[in-house]
Amino acid sequence: MIPLPPSARIFLACGATDMRKGFDGLAVMTQKVLEQSPHSGALFAFRGSAAIW
């Protein structure tokens, strides 16, 4: 478990995210969809979708 300070802000992106975007694509999503700065010090969590074959 990673200890977080009480003032830490955590943002959860609901729904499946295309994890092939990489860090740069997720940073752009953070700015456009969540309207937050990826450099703010907050924790952003994304969920990928599992491929079912």
C-alpha atoms as a PDB file:
ATOM      1  CA  MET A   1       0.000   0.000   0.000  1.00  0.00           C
ATOM      2  CA  ILE A   2       1.309   3.452  -0.896  1.00  0.00           C
ATOM      3  CA  PRO A   3       0.751   5.942   1.922  1.00  0.00           C
ATOM      4  CA  LEU A   4      -0.923   9.163   0.777  1.00  0.00           C
ATOM      5  CA  PRO A   5      -1.150  12.416   2.693  1.00  0.00           C
ATOM      6  CA  PRO A   6      -4.661  13.336   3.893  1.00  0.00           C
ATOM      7  CA  SER A   7      -4.735  16.249   1.445  1.00  0.00           C
ATOM      8  CA  ALA A   8      -4.126  13.994  -1.602  1.00  0.00           C
ATOM      9  CA  ARG A   9      -6.708  14.320  -4.367  1.00  0.00           C
ATOM     10  CA  ILE A  10      -7.657  11.164  -6.261  1.00  0.00           C
ATOM     11  CA  PHE A  11      -9.532  11.192  -9.568  1.00  0.00           C
ATOM     12  CA  LEU A  12     -11.100   8.034 -11.016  1.00  0.00           C
ATOM     13  CA  ALA A  13     -11.909   7.938 -14.721  1.00  0.00           C
ATOM     14  CA  CYS A  14     -15.168   5.992 -15.030  1.00  0.00           C
ATOM     15  CA  GLY A  15     -15.619   3.609 -17.917  1.00  0.00           C
ATOM     16  CA  ALA A  16     -13.032   1.751 -19.956  1.00  0.00           C
ATOM     17  CA  THR A  17      -9.984   3.630 -21.211  1.00  0.00           C
ATOM     18  CA  ASP A  18      -7.867   2.688 -24.214  1.00  0.00           C
ATOM     19  CA  MET A  19      -4.578   2.043 -22.436  1.00  0.00           C
ATOM     20  CA  ARG A  20      -2.721   1.968 -25.775  1.00  0.00           C
ATOM     21  CA  LYS A  21      -2.700   5.776 -25.581  1.00  0.00           C
ATOM     22  CA  GLY A  22       0.313   5.622 -23.264  1.00  0.00           C
ATOM     23  CA  PHE A  23       1.266   8.269 -20.754  1.00  0.00           C
ATOM     24  CA  ASP A  24       1.015  11.167 -23.201  1.00  0.00           C
ATOM     25  CA  GLY A  25      -2.495  10.212 -24.327  1.00  0.00           C
ATOM     26  CA  LEU A  26      -3.676   9.735 -20.749  1.00  0.00           C
ATOM     27  CA  ALA A  27      -2.231  13.142 -19.825  1.00  0.00           C
ATOM     28  CA  VAL A  28      -4.244  14.721 -22.662  1.00  0.00           C
ATOM     29  CA  MET A  29      -7.365  12.896 -21.420  1.00  0.00           C
ATOM     30  CA  THR A  30      -6.706  14.236 -17.942  1.00  0.00           C
ATOM     31  CA  GLN A  31      -6.668  17.779 -19.312  1.00  0.00           C
ATOM     32  CA  LYS A  32      -9.640  17.516 -21.677  1.00  0.00           C
ATOM     33  CA  VAL A  33     -12.026  15.100 -19.949  1.00  0.00           C
ATOM     34  CA  LEU A  34     -11.267  15.589 -16.260  1.00  0.00           C
ATOM     35  CA  GLU A  35     -10.254  19.261 -16.750  1.00  0.00           C
ATOM     36  CA  GLN A  36      -7.299  18.825 -14.397  1.00  0.00           C
ATOM     37  CA  SER A  37      -3.569  19.353 -14.820  1.00  0.00           C
ATOM     38  CA  PRO A  38      -1.646  16.078 -14.991  1.00  0.00           C
ATOM     39  CA  HIS A  39       1.180  17.895 -13.156  1.00  0.00           C
ATOM     40  CA  SER A  40      -0.986  18.960 -10.198  1.00  0.00           C
ATOM     41  CA  GLY A  41       0.286  16.241  -7.873  1.00  0.00           C
ATOM     42  CA  ALA A  42      -3.092  14.496  -7.805  1.00  0.00           C
ATOM     43  CA  LEU A  43      -3.463  10.770  -8.433  1.00  0.00           C
ATOM     44  CA  PHE A  44      -5.339   9.810 -11.612  1.00  0.00           C
ATOM     45  CA  ALA A  45      -6.622   6.248 -12.031  1.00  0.00           C
ATOM     46  CA  PHE A  46      -7.777   4.808 -15.347  1.00  0.00           C
ATOM     47  CA  ARG A  47      -9.348   1.420 -16.052  1.00  0.00           C
ATOM     48  CA  GLY A  48      -8.569  -0.536 -19.185  1.00  0.00           C
ATOM     49  CA  SER A  49     -10.929  -3.000 -20.786  1.00  0.00           C
ATOM     50  CA  ALA A  50     -10.073  -6.669 -20.921  1.00  0.00           C
ATOM     51  CA  ALA A  51     -10.253  -8.191 -24.363  1.00  0.00           C
ATOM     52  CA  ILE A  52     -12.408 -11.285 -24.502  1.00  0.00           C
ATOM     53  CA  TRP A  53     -11.540 -13.560 -27.378  1.00  0.00           C
END
